[in-house]
Amino acid sequence: MKMNKKKEFDFGKVSYKFRAKNGTVFLNSMDQVYIERKGWFDYPYQFFTRGETLFSVDEIGEIVIKEPDMVRGYMDFILKDGRKARVWLTHLGYMPMARKMEKMITARMNRSGKKRNGLRKTDQSPK
């Protein structure tokens, strides 16, 4: 039986959201992250991104951010059970929003007693 992840997420308590190239990332006050895939650009890429995704902040093992340069960047949410959710950051304009999302998730992990050592940043190109 397929569960409707969108119905499980409380949109009335959204703390922050940002639109990436292939989806919108939502974070709510209940420490849930929901990645919504809708729009004409998102549908062709659902094969690679596995469609909509819902997970708890406690499930996150690692967040990896790659800045876009000659190739597109990305924000990966690598979960402790091995699953991965990725949104593409195709230009530098996405970076402040991705960094803010990362800081908010890190603060919630620290608030709940989790360690930050699972979060890392990669491929920071010098300016």
Protein backbone atom coordinates (compact mmCIF):
# COMPACT_ATOMS: atom_id res chain seq x y z
CA MET A 1 0.00 0.00 0.00
CA LYS A 2 1.51 3.30 -1.07
CA MET A 3 1.33 6.04 1.56
CA ASN A 4 0.70 9.63 0.58
CA LYS A 5 3.74 11.44 1.95
CA LYS A 6 2.25 14.83 1.24
CA LYS A 7 -0.66 14.11 3.59
CA GLU A 8 1.76 13.15 6.38
CA PHE A 9 3.59 16.50 6.21
CA ASP A 10 2.09 19.46 8.10
CA PHE A 11 2.34 22.41 5.68
CA GLY A 12 0.71 24.71 8.27
CA LYS A 13 3.90 24.56 10.35
CA VAL A 14 6.49 25.18 7.61
CA SER A 15 9.55 26.93 9.06
CA TYR A 16 11.47 27.33 5.80
CA LYS A 17 11.27 26.31 2.17
CA PHE A 18 13.33 26.86 -0.94
CA ARG A 19 12.88 26.00 -4.56
CA ALA A 20 15.76 24.13 -6.20
CA LYS A 21 15.96 23.17 -9.87
CA ASN A 22 14.22 19.81 -9.51
CA GLY A 23 12.06 20.22 -6.43
CA THR A 24 11.00 22.29 -3.44
CA VAL A 25 12.48 21.49 -0.02
CA PHE A 26 10.27 22.15 3.01
CA LEU A 27 11.25 22.05 6.70
CA ASN A 28 8.50 22.22 9.31
CA SER A 29 8.46 22.87 13.05
CA MET A 30 7.91 19.15 13.68
CA ASP A 31 11.47 18.46 12.36
CA GLN A 32 10.28 16.89 9.12
CA VAL A 33 11.85 17.49 5.71
CA TYR A 34 9.67 17.07 2.63
CA ILE A 35 10.94 17.31 -0.95
CA GLU A 36 8.11 17.97 -3.36
CA ARG A 37 8.50 17.23 -7.06
CA LYS A 38 5.98 19.05 -9.17
CA GLY A 39 6.15 21.19 -12.24
CA TRP A 40 7.06 20.47 -15.83
CA PHE A 41 10.82 20.27 -15.15
CA ASP A 42 10.53 17.97 -12.14
CA TYR A 43 8.55 15.14 -13.74
CA PRO A 44 11.19 13.92 -16.24
CA TYR A 45 13.76 13.70 -13.44
CA GLN A 46 11.65 11.74 -10.96
CA PHE A 47 13.13 8.55 -12.37
CA PHE A 48 16.53 9.63 -11.02
CA THR A 49 15.33 11.37 -7.85
CA ARG A 50 12.66 8.82 -6.82
CA GLY A 51 9.84 11.37 -6.61
CA GLU A 52 8.61 13.02 -3.45
CA THR A 53 10.52 12.32 -0.24
CA LEU A 54 9.60 12.71 3.42
CA PHE A 55 11.97 12.11 6.33
CA SER A 56 12.70 13.30 9.84
CA VAL A 57 15.71 15.43 10.84
CA ASP A 58 16.70 12.54 13.13
CA GLU A 59 17.03 10.25 10.10
CA ILE A 60 19.69 12.45 8.46
CA GLY A 61 23.18 11.03 8.64
CA GLU A 62 24.87 13.57 6.42
CA ILE A 63 24.18 16.65 4.31
CA VAL A 64 26.47 17.24 1.35
CA ILE A 65 26.42 20.51 -0.58
CA LYS A 66 28.36 20.99 -3.81
CA GLU A 67 28.47 24.49 -5.24
CA PRO A 68 27.65 24.81 -8.93
CA ASP A 69 30.57 25.73 -11.18
CA MET A 70 31.17 24.25 -14.63
CA VAL A 71 28.66 21.51 -13.76
CA ARG A 72 25.54 21.77 -11.66
CA GLY A 73 25.76 21.61 -7.90
CA TYR A 74 23.54 19.70 -5.55
CA MET A 75 22.33 19.29 -2.00
CA ASP A 76 22.25 15.67 -0.86
CA PHE A 77 20.42 14.44 2.19
CA ILE A 78 22.02 11.09 3.00
CA LEU A 79 19.90 9.20 5.49
CA LYS A 80 21.17 6.76 8.08
CA ASP A 81 19.43 3.83 6.35
CA GLY A 82 21.34 4.52 3.11
CA ARG A 83 18.60 6.34 1.20
CA LYS A 84 19.54 9.58 -0.51
CA ALA A 85 17.49 12.58 -1.61
CA ARG A 86 19.06 15.13 -3.95
CA VAL A 87 18.04 18.52 -5.24
CA TRP A 88 20.04 20.30 -7.92
CA LEU A 89 21.56 23.71 -7.40
CA THR A 90 22.16 24.88 -10.96
CA HIS A 91 23.43 28.38 -10.20
CA LEU A 92 25.00 30.24 -7.28
CA GLY A 93 21.68 31.96 -6.50
CA TYR A 94 20.51 28.72 -4.85
CA MET A 95 23.47 28.59 -2.43
CA PRO A 96 22.26 31.06 0.26
CA MET A 97 18.95 29.20 0.51
CA ALA A 98 20.66 25.80 0.67
CA ARG A 99 23.08 27.03 3.36
CA LYS A 100 20.20 28.46 5.40
CA MET A 101 18.35 25.13 5.19
CA GLU A 102 21.51 23.31 6.29
CA LYS A 103 21.96 25.67 9.28
CA MET A 104 18.34 25.24 10.35
CA ILE A 105 18.60 21.45 10.20
CA THR A 106 21.93 21.50 12.07
CA ALA A 107 20.40 23.65 14.82
CA ARG A 108 17.54 21.19 15.19
CA MET A 109 19.94 18.26 15.33
CA ASN A 110 21.95 20.05 18.02
CA ARG A 111 18.76 20.91 19.91
CA SER A 112 17.78 17.27 20.01
CA GLY A 113 21.25 16.25 21.23
CA LYS A 114 22.64 15.04 17.90
CA LYS A 115 26.24 15.68 16.96
CA ARG A 116 27.19 17.83 13.98
CA ASN A 117 29.96 15.53 12.80
CA GLY A 118 27.65 13.91 10.25
CA LEU A 119 27.27 17.12 8.28
CA ARG A 120 29.91 18.17 5.79
CA LYS A 121 30.46 20.51 2.89
CA THR A 122 32.32 19.44 -0.24
CA ASP A 123 33.81 20.93 -3.36
CA GLN A 124 33.94 24.52 -2.22
CA SER A 125 35.35 26.35 -5.20
CA PRO A 126 37.41 29.42 -4.23
CA LYS A 127 36.22 32.74 -5.55
